[in-house]
Amino acid sequence: KIYATNKHLKGKQYQYKVGYKLTVPPGDYHVFAQLPDPAKYGATYPK
């Protein structure tokens, strides 16, 4: 199961002053970021 957010948090505690928080049930996770349309930003990797 994937838990997701696109809400970006602003604050000095975050590198580059932008971060996130995700509330999840206990367990083991892999955490990743994605873009819905990478080509929009000139990236060549897949969606």
ModelCIF file with pLDDT and N, C-alpha, C, O atoms, coordinates in Angstrom:
data_MODEL
#
_entry.id   MODEL 
#
_entity.id                         1 
_entity.type                       polymer 
_entity.pdbx_number_of_molecules   1 
#
_entity_poly.entity_id                      1 
_entity_poly.type                           'polypeptide(L)' 
_entity_poly.nstd_linkage                   no 
_entity_poly.nstd_monomer                   no 
_entity_poly.pdbx_seq_one_letter_code       KIYATNKHLKGKQYQYKVGYKLTVPPGDYHVFAQLPDPAKYGATYPK 
_entity_poly.pdbx_seq_one_letter_code_can   KIYATNKHLKGKQYQYKVGYKLTVPPGDYHVFAQLPDPAKYGATYPK 
_entity_poly.pdbx_strand_id                 A 
#
loop_
_entity_poly_seq.entity_id 
_entity_poly_seq.num 
_entity_poly_seq.mon_id 
_entity_poly_seq.hetero 
1 1  LYS n 
1 2  ILE n 
1 3  TYR n 
1 4  ALA n 
1 5  THR n 
1 6  ASN n 
1 7  LYS n 
1 8  HIS n 
1 9  LEU n 
1 10 LYS n 
1 11 GLY n 
1 12 LYS n 
1 13 GLN n 
1 14 TYR n 
1 15 GLN n 
1 16 TYR n 
1 17 LYS n 
1 18 VAL n 
1 19 GLY n 
1 20 TYR n 
1 21 LYS n 
1 22 LEU n 
1 23 THR n 
1 24 VAL n 
1 25 PRO n 
1 26 PRO n 
1 27 GLY n 
1 28 ASP n 
1 29 TYR n 
1 30 HIS n 
1 31 VAL n 
1 32 PHE n 
1 33 ALA n 
1 34 GLN n 
1 35 LEU n 
1 36 PRO n 
1 37 ASP n 
1 38 PRO n 
1 39 ALA n 
1 40 LYS n 
1 41 TYR n 
1 42 GLY n 
1 43 ALA n 
1 44 THR n 
1 45 TYR n 
1 46 PRO n 
1 47 LYS n 
#
_struct_asym.id          A 
_struct_asym.entity_id   1 
#
loop_
_ma_qa_metric.id 
_ma_qa_metric.mode 
_ma_qa_metric.name 
_ma_qa_metric.software_group_id 
_ma_qa_metric.type 
1 global pLDDT . pLDDT 
2 local  pLDDT . pLDDT 
#
_ma_qa_metric_global.metric_id      1 
_ma_qa_metric_global.metric_value   94.87 
_ma_qa_metric_global.model_id       1 
_ma_qa_metric_global.ordinal_id     1 
#
loop_
_ma_qa_metric_local.label_asym_id 
_ma_qa_metric_local.label_comp_id 
_ma_qa_metric_local.label_seq_id 
_ma_qa_metric_local.metric_id 
_ma_qa_metric_local.metric_value 
_ma_qa_metric_local.model_id 
_ma_qa_metric_local.ordinal_id 
A LYS 1  2 98.00 1 1  
A ILE 2  2 98.00 1 2  
A TYR 3  2 98.00 1 3  
A ALA 4  2 98.00 1 4  
A THR 5  2 97.00 1 5  
A ASN 6  2 96.00 1 6  
A LYS 7  2 97.00 1 7  
A HIS 8  2 97.00 1 8  
A LEU 9  2 97.00 1 9  
A LYS 10 2 96.00 1 10 
A GLY 11 2 94.00 1 11 
A LYS 12 2 93.00 1 12 
A GLN 13 2 91.00 1 13 
A TYR 14 2 91.00 1 14 
A GLN 15 2 85.00 1 15 
A TYR 16 2 83.00 1 16 
A LYS 17 2 90.00 1 17 
A VAL 18 2 94.00 1 18 
A GLY 19 2 96.00 1 19 
A TYR 20 2 98.00 1 20 
A LYS 21 2 98.00 1 21 
A LEU 22 2 98.00 1 22 
A THR 23 2 97.00 1 23 
A VAL 24 2 98.00 1 24 
A PRO 25 2 97.00 1 25 
A PRO 26 2 97.00 1 26 
A GLY 27 2 98.00 1 27 
A ASP 28 2 98.00 1 28 
A TYR 29 2 98.00 1 29 
A HIS 30 2 98.00 1 30 
A VAL 31 2 98.00 1 31 
A PHE 32 2 98.00 1 32 
A ALA 33 2 98.00 1 33 
A GLN 34 2 97.00 1 34 
A LEU 35 2 96.00 1 35 
A PRO 36 2 94.00 1 36 
A ASP 37 2 94.00 1 37 
A PRO 38 2 94.00 1 38 
A ALA 39 2 94.00 1 39 
A LYS 40 2 93.00 1 40 
A TYR 41 2 92.00 1 41 
A GLY 42 2 90.00 1 42 
A ALA 43 2 91.00 1 43 
A THR 44 2 92.00 1 44 
A TYR 45 2 90.00 1 45 
A PRO 46 2 93.00 1 46 
A LYS 47 2 91.00 1 47 
#
loop_
_atom_site.group_PDB 
_atom_site.id 
_atom_site.type_symbol 
_atom_site.label_atom_id 
_atom_site.label_alt_id 
_atom_site.label_comp_id 
_atom_site.label_asym_id 
_atom_site.label_entity_id 
_atom_site.label_seq_id 
_atom_site.pdbx_PDB_ins_code 
_atom_site.Cartn_x 
_atom_site.Cartn_y 
_atom_site.Cartn_z 
_atom_site.occupancy 
_atom_site.B_iso_or_equiv 
_atom_site.pdbx_formal_charge 
_atom_site.auth_seq_id 
_atom_site.auth_comp_id 
_atom_site.auth_asym_id 
_atom_site.auth_atom_id 
_atom_site.pdbx_PDB_model_num 
ATOM 1   N N  . LYS A 1 1  ? 0.851  -1.190 0.000   1.00 98.00 ? 1  LYS A N  1 
ATOM 2   C CA . LYS A 1 1  ? 0.000  0.000  0.000   1.00 98.00 ? 1  LYS A CA 1 
ATOM 3   C C  . LYS A 1 1  ? 0.888  1.242  0.000   1.00 98.00 ? 1  LYS A C  1 
ATOM 4   O O  . LYS A 1 1  ? 1.913  1.289  0.681   1.00 98.00 ? 1  LYS A O  1 
ATOM 5   N N  . ILE A 1 2  ? 0.477  2.241  -0.774  1.00 98.00 ? 2  ILE A N  1 
ATOM 6   C CA . ILE A 1 2  ? 1.247  3.481  -0.870  1.00 98.00 ? 2  ILE A CA 1 
ATOM 7   C C  . ILE A 1 2  ? 0.474  4.614  -0.209  1.00 98.00 ? 2  ILE A C  1 
ATOM 8   O O  . ILE A 1 2  ? -0.698 4.842  -0.509  1.00 98.00 ? 2  ILE A O  1 
ATOM 9   N N  . TYR A 1 3  ? 1.141  5.312  0.685   1.00 98.00 ? 3  TYR A N  1 
ATOM 10  C CA . TYR A 1 3  ? 0.613  6.497  1.352   1.00 98.00 ? 3  TYR A CA 1 
ATOM 11  C C  . TYR A 1 3  ? 1.317  7.692  0.720   1.00 98.00 ? 3  TYR A C  1 
ATOM 12  O O  . TYR A 1 3  ? 2.535  7.665  0.541   1.00 98.00 ? 3  TYR A O  1 
ATOM 13  N N  . ALA A 1 4  ? 0.569  8.740  0.380   1.00 98.00 ? 4  ALA A N  1 
ATOM 14  C CA . ALA A 1 4  ? 1.181  9.832  -0.379  1.00 98.00 ? 4  ALA A CA 1 
ATOM 15  C C  . ALA A 1 4  ? 0.652  11.190 0.052   1.00 98.00 ? 4  ALA A C  1 
ATOM 16  O O  . ALA A 1 4  ? -0.445 11.316 0.597   1.00 98.00 ? 4  ALA A O  1 
ATOM 17  N N  . THR A 1 5  ? 1.469  12.197 -0.210  1.00 97.00 ? 5  THR A N  1 
ATOM 18  C CA . THR A 1 5  ? 1.066  13.590 -0.018  1.00 97.00 ? 5  THR A CA 1 
ATOM 19  C C  . THR A 1 5  ? 1.750  14.440 -1.078  1.00 97.00 ? 5  THR A C  1 
ATOM 20  O O  . THR A 1 5  ? 2.859  14.135 -1.518  1.00 97.00 ? 5  THR A O  1 
ATOM 21  N N  . ASN A 1 6  ? 1.089  15.485 -1.474  1.00 96.00 ? 6  ASN A N  1 
ATOM 22  C CA . ASN A 1 6  ? 1.729  16.478 -2.329  1.00 96.00 ? 6  ASN A CA 1 
ATOM 23  C C  . ASN A 1 6  ? 1.726  17.838 -1.632  1.00 96.00 ? 6  ASN A C  1 
ATOM 24  O O  . ASN A 1 6  ? 1.948  18.877 -2.254  1.00 96.00 ? 6  ASN A O  1 
ATOM 25  N N  . LYS A 1 7  ? 1.467  17.801 -0.320  1.00 97.00 ? 7  LYS A N  1 
ATOM 26  C CA . LYS A 1 7  ? 1.509  19.021 0.481   1.00 97.00 ? 7  LYS A CA 1 
ATOM 27  C C  . LYS A 1 7  ? 2.952  19.273 0.901   1.00 97.00 ? 7  LYS A C  1 
ATOM 28  O O  . LYS A 1 7  ? 3.551  18.471 1.618   1.00 97.00 ? 7  LYS A O  1 
ATOM 29  N N  . HIS A 1 8  ? 3.496  20.380 0.454   1.00 97.00 ? 8  HIS A N  1 
ATOM 30  C CA . HIS A 1 8  ? 4.869  20.758 0.788   1.00 97.00 ? 8  HIS A CA 1 
ATOM 31  C C  . HIS A 1 8  ? 4.840  21.720 1.961   1.00 97.00 ? 8  HIS A C  1 
ATOM 32  O O  . HIS A 1 8  ? 4.064  22.676 1.981   1.00 97.00 ? 8  HIS A O  1 
ATOM 33  N N  . LEU A 1 9  ? 5.693  21.454 2.935   1.00 97.00 ? 9  LEU A N  1 
ATOM 34  C CA . LEU A 1 9  ? 5.769  22.285 4.134   1.00 97.00 ? 9  LEU A CA 1 
ATOM 35  C C  . LEU A 1 9  ? 6.962  23.216 4.035   1.00 97.00 ? 9  LEU A C  1 
ATOM 36  O O  . LEU A 1 9  ? 8.015  22.824 3.532   1.00 97.00 ? 9  LEU A O  1 
ATOM 37  N N  . LYS A 1 10 ? 6.812  24.420 4.500   1.00 96.00 ? 10 LYS A N  1 
ATOM 38  C CA . LYS A 1 10 ? 7.903  25.393 4.502   1.00 96.00 ? 10 LYS A CA 1 
ATOM 39  C C  . LYS A 1 10 ? 8.444  25.503 5.925   1.00 96.00 ? 10 LYS A C  1 
ATOM 40  O O  . LYS A 1 10 ? 7.677  25.482 6.888   1.00 96.00 ? 10 LYS A O  1 
ATOM 41  N N  . GLY A 1 11 ? 9.756  25.621 6.054   1.00 94.00 ? 11 GLY A N  1 
ATOM 42  C CA . GLY A 1 11 ? 10.337 25.786 7.380   1.00 94.00 ? 11 GLY A CA 1 
ATOM 43  C C  . GLY A 1 11 ? 11.840 25.707 7.357   1.00 94.00 ? 11 GLY A C  1 
ATOM 44  O O  . GLY A 1 11 ? 12.429 25.047 6.500   1.00 94.00 ? 11 GLY A O  1 
ATOM 45  N N  . LYS A 1 12 ? 12.462 26.387 8.308   1.00 93.00 ? 12 LYS A N  1 
ATOM 46  C CA . LYS A 1 12 ? 13.930 26.400 8.405   1.00 93.00 ? 12 LYS A CA 1 
ATOM 47  C C  . LYS A 1 12 ? 14.493 25.032 8.758   1.00 93.00 ? 12 LYS A C  1 
ATOM 48  O O  . LYS A 1 12 ? 15.667 24.763 8.504   1.00 93.00 ? 12 LYS A O  1 
ATOM 49  N N  . GLN A 1 13 ? 13.661 24.157 9.347   1.00 91.00 ? 13 GLN A N  1 
ATOM 50  C CA . GLN A 1 13 ? 14.149 22.833 9.736   1.00 91.00 ? 13 GLN A CA 1 
ATOM 51  C C  . GLN A 1 13 ? 14.396 21.939 8.522   1.00 91.00 ? 13 GLN A C  1 
ATOM 52  O O  . GLN A 1 13 ? 15.026 20.889 8.646   1.00 91.00 ? 13 GLN A O  1 
ATOM 53  N N  . TYR A 1 14 ? 13.905 22.348 7.349   1.00 91.00 ? 14 TYR A N  1 
ATOM 54  C CA . TYR A 1 14 ? 14.061 21.545 6.146   1.00 91.00 ? 14 TYR A CA 1 
ATOM 55  C C  . TYR A 1 14 ? 15.188 22.093 5.278   1.00 91.00 ? 14 TYR A C  1 
ATOM 56  O O  . TYR A 1 14 ? 15.342 23.303 5.118   1.00 91.00 ? 14 TYR A O  1 
ATOM 57  N N  . GLN A 1 15 ? 15.975 21.167 4.718   1.00 85.00 ? 15 GLN A N  1 
ATOM 58  C CA . GLN A 1 15 ? 16.985 21.554 3.743   1.00 85.00 ? 15 GLN A CA 1 
ATOM 59  C C  . GLN A 1 15 ? 16.248 22.234 2.590   1.00 85.00 ? 15 GLN A C  1 
ATOM 60  O O  . GLN A 1 15 ? 15.190 21.757 2.180   1.00 85.00 ? 15 GLN A O  1 
ATOM 61  N N  . TYR A 1 16 ? 16.766 23.304 2.070   1.00 83.00 ? 16 TYR A N  1 
ATOM 62  C CA . TYR A 1 16 ? 16.130 24.106 1.014   1.00 83.00 ? 16 TYR A CA 1 
ATOM 63  C C  . TYR A 1 16 ? 14.788 24.675 1.469   1.00 83.00 ? 16 TYR A C  1 
ATOM 64  O O  . TYR A 1 16 ? 14.014 25.180 0.656   1.00 83.00 ? 16 TYR A O  1 
ATOM 65  N N  . LYS A 1 17 ? 14.516 24.593 2.775   1.00 90.00 ? 17 LYS A N  1 
ATOM 66  C CA . LYS A 1 17 ? 13.328 25.170 3.411   1.00 90.00 ? 17 LYS A CA 1 
ATOM 67  C C  . LYS A 1 17 ? 11.999 24.593 2.927   1.00 90.00 ? 17 LYS A C  1 
ATOM 68  O O  . LYS A 1 17 ? 10.954 25.224 3.081   1.00 90.00 ? 17 LYS A O  1 
ATOM 69  N N  . VAL A 1 18 ? 12.037 23.384 2.336   1.00 94.00 ? 18 VAL A N  1 
ATOM 70  C CA . VAL A 1 18 ? 10.809 22.723 1.881   1.00 94.00 ? 18 VAL A CA 1 
ATOM 71  C C  . VAL A 1 18 ? 10.856 21.261 2.337   1.00 94.00 ? 18 VAL A C  1 
ATOM 72  O O  . VAL A 1 18 ? 11.855 20.567 2.143   1.00 94.00 ? 18 VAL A O  1 
ATOM 73  N N  . GLY A 1 19 ? 9.756  20.811 2.947   1.00 96.00 ? 19 GLY A N  1 
ATOM 74  C CA . GLY A 1 19 ? 9.709  19.435 3.430   1.00 96.00 ? 19 GLY A CA 1 
ATOM 75  C C  . GLY A 1 19 ? 8.315  18.847 3.311   1.00 96.00 ? 19 GLY A C  1 
ATOM 76  O O  . GLY A 1 19 ? 7.444  19.399 2.639   1.00 96.00 ? 19 GLY A O  1 
ATOM 77  N N  . TYR A 1 20 ? 8.120  17.718 3.975   1.00 98.00 ? 20 TYR A N  1 
ATOM 78  C CA . TYR A 1 20 ? 6.852  16.991 3.938   1.00 98.00 ? 20 TYR A CA 1 
ATOM 79  C C  . TYR A 1 20 ? 6.695  16.225 5.244   1.00 98.00 ? 20 TYR A C  1 
ATOM 80  O O  . TYR A 1 20 ? 7.658  16.034 5.987   1.00 98.00 ? 20 TYR A O  1 
ATOM 81  N N  . LYS A 1 21 ? 5.472  15.791 5.511   1.00 98.00 ? 21 LYS A N  1 
ATOM 82  C CA . LYS A 1 21 ? 5.164  14.853 6.589   1.00 98.00 ? 21 LYS A CA 1 
ATOM 83  C C  . LYS A 1 21 ? 4.122  13.876 6.063   1.00 98.00 ? 21 LYS A C  1 
ATOM 84  O O  . LYS A 1 21 ? 3.173  14.262 5.381   1.00 98.00 ? 21 LYS A O  1 
ATOM 85  N N  . LEU A 1 22 ? 4.320  12.598 6.396   1.00 98.00 ? 22 LEU A N  1 
ATOM 86  C CA . LEU A 1 22 ? 3.376  11.542 6.028   1.00 98.00 ? 22 LEU A CA 1 
ATOM 87  C C  . LEU A 1 22 ? 2.997  10.761 7.281   1.00 98.00 ? 22 LEU A C  1 
ATOM 88  O O  . LEU A 1 22 ? 3.870  10.302 8.017   1.00 98.00 ? 22 LEU A O  1 
ATOM 89  N N  . THR A 1 23 ? 1.705  10.611 7.524   1.00 97.00 ? 23 THR A N  1 
ATOM 90  C CA . THR A 1 23 ? 1.226  9.793  8.635   1.00 97.00 ? 23 THR A CA 1 
ATOM 91  C C  . THR A 1 23 ? 0.901  8.410  8.086   1.00 97.00 ? 23 THR A C  1 
ATOM 92  O O  . THR A 1 23 ? 0.119  8.266  7.146   1.00 97.00 ? 23 THR A O  1 
ATOM 93  N N  . VAL A 1 24 ? 1.517  7.392  8.694   1.00 98.00 ? 24 VAL A N  1 
ATOM 94  C CA . VAL A 1 24 ? 1.383  6.023  8.199   1.00 98.00 ? 24 VAL A CA 1 
ATOM 95  C C  . VAL A 1 24 ? 1.206  5.054  9.364   1.00 98.00 ? 24 VAL A C  1 
ATOM 96  O O  . VAL A 1 24 ? 1.596  5.363  10.490  1.00 98.00 ? 24 VAL A O  1 
ATOM 97  N N  . PRO A 1 25 ? 0.623  3.888  9.102   1.00 97.00 ? 25 PRO A N  1 
ATOM 98  C CA . PRO A 1 25 ? 0.568  2.843  10.128  1.00 97.00 ? 25 PRO A CA 1 
ATOM 99  C C  . PRO A 1 25 ? 1.982  2.307  10.391  1.00 97.00 ? 25 PRO A C  1 
ATOM 100 O O  . PRO A 1 25 ? 2.863  2.444  9.543   1.00 97.00 ? 25 PRO A O  1 
ATOM 101 N N  . PRO A 1 26 ? 2.198  1.704  11.552  1.00 97.00 ? 26 PRO A N  1 
ATOM 102 C CA . PRO A 1 26 ? 3.503  1.103  11.817  1.00 97.00 ? 26 PRO A CA 1 
ATOM 103 C C  . PRO A 1 26 ? 3.857  0.088  10.732  1.00 97.00 ? 26 PRO A C  1 
ATOM 104 O O  . PRO A 1 26 ? 2.992  -0.618 10.213  1.00 97.00 ? 26 PRO A O  1 
ATOM 105 N N  . GLY A 1 27 ? 5.134  0.031  10.407  1.00 98.00 ? 27 GLY A N  1 
ATOM 106 C CA . GLY A 1 27 ? 5.590  -0.911 9.393   1.00 98.00 ? 27 GLY A CA 1 
ATOM 107 C C  . GLY A 1 27 ? 6.900  -0.473 8.785   1.00 98.00 ? 27 GLY A C  1 
ATOM 108 O O  . GLY A 1 27 ? 7.500  0.516  9.206   1.00 98.00 ? 27 GLY A O  1 
ATOM 109 N N  . ASP A 1 28 ? 7.333  -1.218 7.795   1.00 98.00 ? 28 ASP A N  1 
ATOM 110 C CA . ASP A 1 28 ? 8.568  -0.930 7.067   1.00 98.00 ? 28 ASP A CA 1 
ATOM 111 C C  . ASP A 1 28 ? 8.207  -0.329 5.711   1.00 98.00 ? 28 ASP A C  1 
ATOM 112 O O  . ASP A 1 28 ? 7.311  -0.817 5.023   1.00 98.00 ? 28 ASP A O  1 
ATOM 113 N N  . TYR A 1 29 ? 8.918  0.742  5.333   1.00 98.00 ? 29 TYR A N  1 
ATOM 114 C CA . TYR A 1 29 ? 8.571  1.507  4.139   1.00 98.00 ? 29 TYR A CA 1 
ATOM 115 C C  . TYR A 1 29 ? 9.792  1.844  3.299   1.00 98.00 ? 29 TYR A C  1 
ATOM 116 O O  . TYR A 1 29 ? 10.908 1.942  3.808   1.00 98.00 ? 29 TYR A O  1 
ATOM 117 N N  . HIS A 1 30 ? 9.559  2.020  2.004   1.00 98.00 ? 30 HIS A N  1 
ATOM 118 C CA . HIS A 1 30 ? 10.477 2.714  1.119   1.00 98.00 ? 30 HIS A CA 1 
ATOM 119 C C  . HIS A 1 30 ? 9.813  4.059  0.831   1.00 98.00 ? 30 HIS A C  1 
ATOM 120 O O  . HIS A 1 30 ? 8.629  4.116  0.499   1.00 98.00 ? 30 HIS A O  1 
ATOM 121 N N  . VAL A 1 31 ? 10.580 5.132  0.961   1.00 98.00 ? 31 VAL A N  1 
ATOM 122 C CA . VAL A 1 31 ? 10.051 6.478  0.763   1.00 98.00 ? 31 VAL A CA 1 
ATOM 123 C C  . VAL A 1 31 ? 10.648 7.044  -0.523  1.00 98.00 ? 31 VAL A C  1 
ATOM 124 O O  . VAL A 1 31 ? 11.853 6.945  -0.757  1.00 98.00 ? 31 VAL A O  1 
ATOM 125 N N  . PHE A 1 32 ? 9.792  7.637  -1.351  1.00 98.00 ? 32 PHE A N  1 
ATOM 126 C CA . PHE A 1 32 ? 10.259 8.192  -2.623  1.00 98.00 ? 32 PHE A CA 1 
ATOM 127 C C  . PHE A 1 32 ? 9.436  9.414  -3.012  1.00 98.00 ? 32 PHE A C  1 
ATOM 128 O O  . PHE A 1 32 ? 8.330  9.629  -2.516  1.00 98.00 ? 32 PHE A O  1 
ATOM 129 N N  . ALA A 1 33 ? 10.006 10.205 -3.912  1.00 98.00 ? 33 ALA A N  1 
ATOM 130 C CA . ALA A 1 33 ? 9.313  11.350 -4.494  1.00 98.00 ? 33 ALA A CA 1 
ATOM 131 C C  . ALA A 1 33 ? 9.095  11.059 -5.974  1.00 98.00 ? 33 ALA A C  1 
ATOM 132 O O  . ALA A 1 33 ? 9.881  10.352 -6.605  1.00 98.00 ? 33 ALA A O  1 
ATOM 133 N N  . GLN A 1 34 ? 8.013  11.616 -6.515  1.00 97.00 ? 34 GLN A N  1 
ATOM 134 C CA . GLN A 1 34 ? 7.688  11.439 -7.935  1.00 97.00 ? 34 GLN A CA 1 
ATOM 135 C C  . GLN A 1 34 ? 7.116  12.729 -8.496  1.00 97.00 ? 34 GLN A C  1 
ATOM 136 O O  . GLN A 1 34 ? 6.603  13.575 -7.765  1.00 97.00 ? 34 GLN A O  1 
ATOM 137 N N  . LEU A 1 35 ? 7.215  12.855 -9.795  1.00 96.00 ? 35 LEU A N  1 
ATOM 138 C CA . LEU A 1 35 ? 6.577  13.954 -10.515 1.00 96.00 ? 35 LEU A CA 1 
ATOM 139 C C  . LEU A 1 35 ? 5.547  13.371 -11.467 1.00 96.00 ? 35 LEU A C  1 
ATOM 140 O O  . LEU A 1 35 ? 5.825  12.366 -12.121 1.00 96.00 ? 35 LEU A O  1 
ATOM 141 N N  . PRO A 1 36 ? 4.360  13.973 -11.565 1.00 94.00 ? 36 PRO A N  1 
ATOM 142 C CA . PRO A 1 36 ? 3.353  13.428 -12.480 1.00 94.00 ? 36 PRO A CA 1 
ATOM 143 C C  . PRO A 1 36 ? 3.724  13.609 -13.948 1.00 94.00 ? 36 PRO A C  1 
ATOM 144 O O  . PRO A 1 36 ? 3.298  12.826 -14.797 1.00 94.00 ? 36 PRO A O  1 
ATOM 145 N N  . ASP A 1 37 ? 4.523  14.646 -14.255 1.00 94.00 ? 37 ASP A N  1 
ATOM 146 C CA . ASP A 1 37 ? 4.919  14.900 -15.641 1.00 94.00 ? 37 ASP A CA 1 
ATOM 147 C C  . ASP A 1 37 ? 6.352  15.439 -15.668 1.00 94.00 ? 37 ASP A C  1 
ATOM 148 O O  . ASP A 1 37 ? 6.551  16.650 -15.767 1.00 94.00 ? 37 ASP A O  1 
ATOM 149 N N  . PRO A 1 38 ? 7.349  14.557 -15.582 1.00 94.00 ? 38 PRO A N  1 
ATOM 150 C CA . PRO A 1 38 ? 8.740  14.995 -15.554 1.00 94.00 ? 38 PRO A CA 1 
ATOM 151 C C  . PRO A 1 38 ? 9.134  15.845 -16.767 1.00 94.00 ? 38 PRO A C  1 
ATOM 152 O O  . PRO A 1 38 ? 9.949  16.760 -16.644 1.00 94.00 ? 38 PRO A O  1 
ATOM 153 N N  . ALA A 1 39 ? 8.562  15.548 -17.934 1.00 94.00 ? 39 ALA A N  1 
ATOM 154 C CA . ALA A 1 39 ? 8.903  16.293 -19.143 1.00 94.00 ? 39 ALA A CA 1 
ATOM 155 C C  . ALA A 1 39 ? 8.555  17.782 -19.015 1.00 94.00 ? 39 ALA A C  1 
ATOM 156 O O  . ALA A 1 39 ? 9.168  18.626 -19.668 1.00 94.00 ? 39 ALA A O  1 
ATOM 157 N N  . LYS A 1 40 ? 7.592  18.086 -18.188 1.00 93.00 ? 40 LYS A N  1 
ATOM 158 C CA . LYS A 1 40 ? 7.198  19.478 -17.931 1.00 93.00 ? 40 LYS A CA 1 
ATOM 159 C C  . LYS A 1 40 ? 8.376  20.300 -17.403 1.00 93.00 ? 40 LYS A C  1 
ATOM 160 O O  . LYS A 1 40 ? 8.428  21.518 -17.571 1.00 93.00 ? 40 LYS A O  1 
ATOM 161 N N  . TYR A 1 41 ? 9.319  19.604 -16.761 1.00 92.00 ? 41 TYR A N  1 
ATOM 162 C CA . TYR A 1 41 ? 10.491 20.259 -16.172 1.00 92.00 ? 41 TYR A CA 1 
ATOM 163 C C  . TYR A 1 41 ? 11.766 19.960 -16.959 1.00 92.00 ? 41 TYR A C  1 
ATOM 164 O O  . TYR A 1 41 ? 12.871 20.230 -16.488 1.00 92.00 ? 41 TYR A O  1 
ATOM 165 N N  . GLY A 1 42 ? 11.608 19.400 -18.161 1.00 90.00 ? 42 GLY A N  1 
ATOM 166 C CA . GLY A 1 42 ? 12.756 19.106 -19.009 1.00 90.00 ? 42 GLY A CA 1 
ATOM 167 C C  . GLY A 1 42 ? 13.451 17.800 -18.688 1.00 90.00 ? 42 GLY A C  1 
ATOM 168 O O  . GLY A 1 42 ? 14.510 17.511 -19.245 1.00 90.00 ? 42 GLY A O  1 
ATOM 169 N N  . ALA A 1 43 ? 12.877 17.005 -17.800 1.00 91.00 ? 43 ALA A N  1 
ATOM 170 C CA . ALA A 1 43 ? 13.486 15.720 -17.425 1.00 91.00 ? 43 ALA A CA 1 
ATOM 171 C C  . ALA A 1 43 ? 13.175 14.671 -18.488 1.00 91.00 ? 43 ALA A C  1 
ATOM 172 O O  . ALA A 1 43 ? 12.126 14.713 -19.131 1.00 91.00 ? 43 ALA A O  1 
ATOM 173 N N  . THR A 1 44 ? 14.092 13.738 -18.662 1.00 92.00 ? 44 THR A N  1 
ATOM 174 C CA . THR A 1 44 ? 13.907 12.691 -19.667 1.00 92.00 ? 44 THR A CA 1 
ATOM 175 C C  . THR A 1 44 ? 13.530 11.339 -19.064 1.00 92.00 ? 44 THR A C  1 
ATOM 176 O O  . THR A 1 44 ? 13.325 10.375 -19.802 1.00 92.00 ? 44 THR A O  1 
ATOM 177 N N  . TYR A 1 45 ? 13.436 11.250 -17.740 1.00 90.00 ? 45 TYR A N  1 
ATOM 178 C CA . TYR A 1 45 ? 13.075 9.975  -17.131 1.00 90.00 ? 45 TYR A CA 1 
ATOM 179 C C  . TYR A 1 45 ? 11.558 9.770  -17.211 1.00 90.00 ? 45 TYR A C  1 
ATOM 180 O O  . TYR A 1 45 ? 10.816 10.735 -17.390 1.00 90.00 ? 45 TYR A O  1 
ATOM 181 N N  . PRO A 1 46 ? 11.090 8.513  -17.078 1.00 93.00 ? 46 PRO A N  1 
ATOM 182 C CA . PRO A 1 46 ? 9.664  8.209  -17.245 1.00 93.00 ? 46 PRO A CA 1 
ATOM 183 C C  . PRO A 1 46 ? 8.808  8.706  -16.076 1.00 93.00 ? 46 PRO A C  1 
ATOM 184 O O  . PRO A 1 46 ? 9.325  9.052  -15.014 1.00 93.00 ? 46 PRO A O  1 
ATOM 185 N N  . LYS A 1 47 ? 7.507  8.734  -16.291 1.00 91.00 ? 47 LYS A N  1 
ATOM 186 C CA . LYS A 1 47 ? 6.562  9.209  -15.273 1.00 91.00 ? 47 LYS A CA 1 
ATOM 187 C C  . LYS A 1 47 ? 6.585  8.355  -14.006 1.00 91.00 ? 47 LYS A C  1 
ATOM 188 O O  . LYS A 1 47 ? 5.845  8.631  -13.062 1.00 91.00 ? 47 LYS A O  1 
#
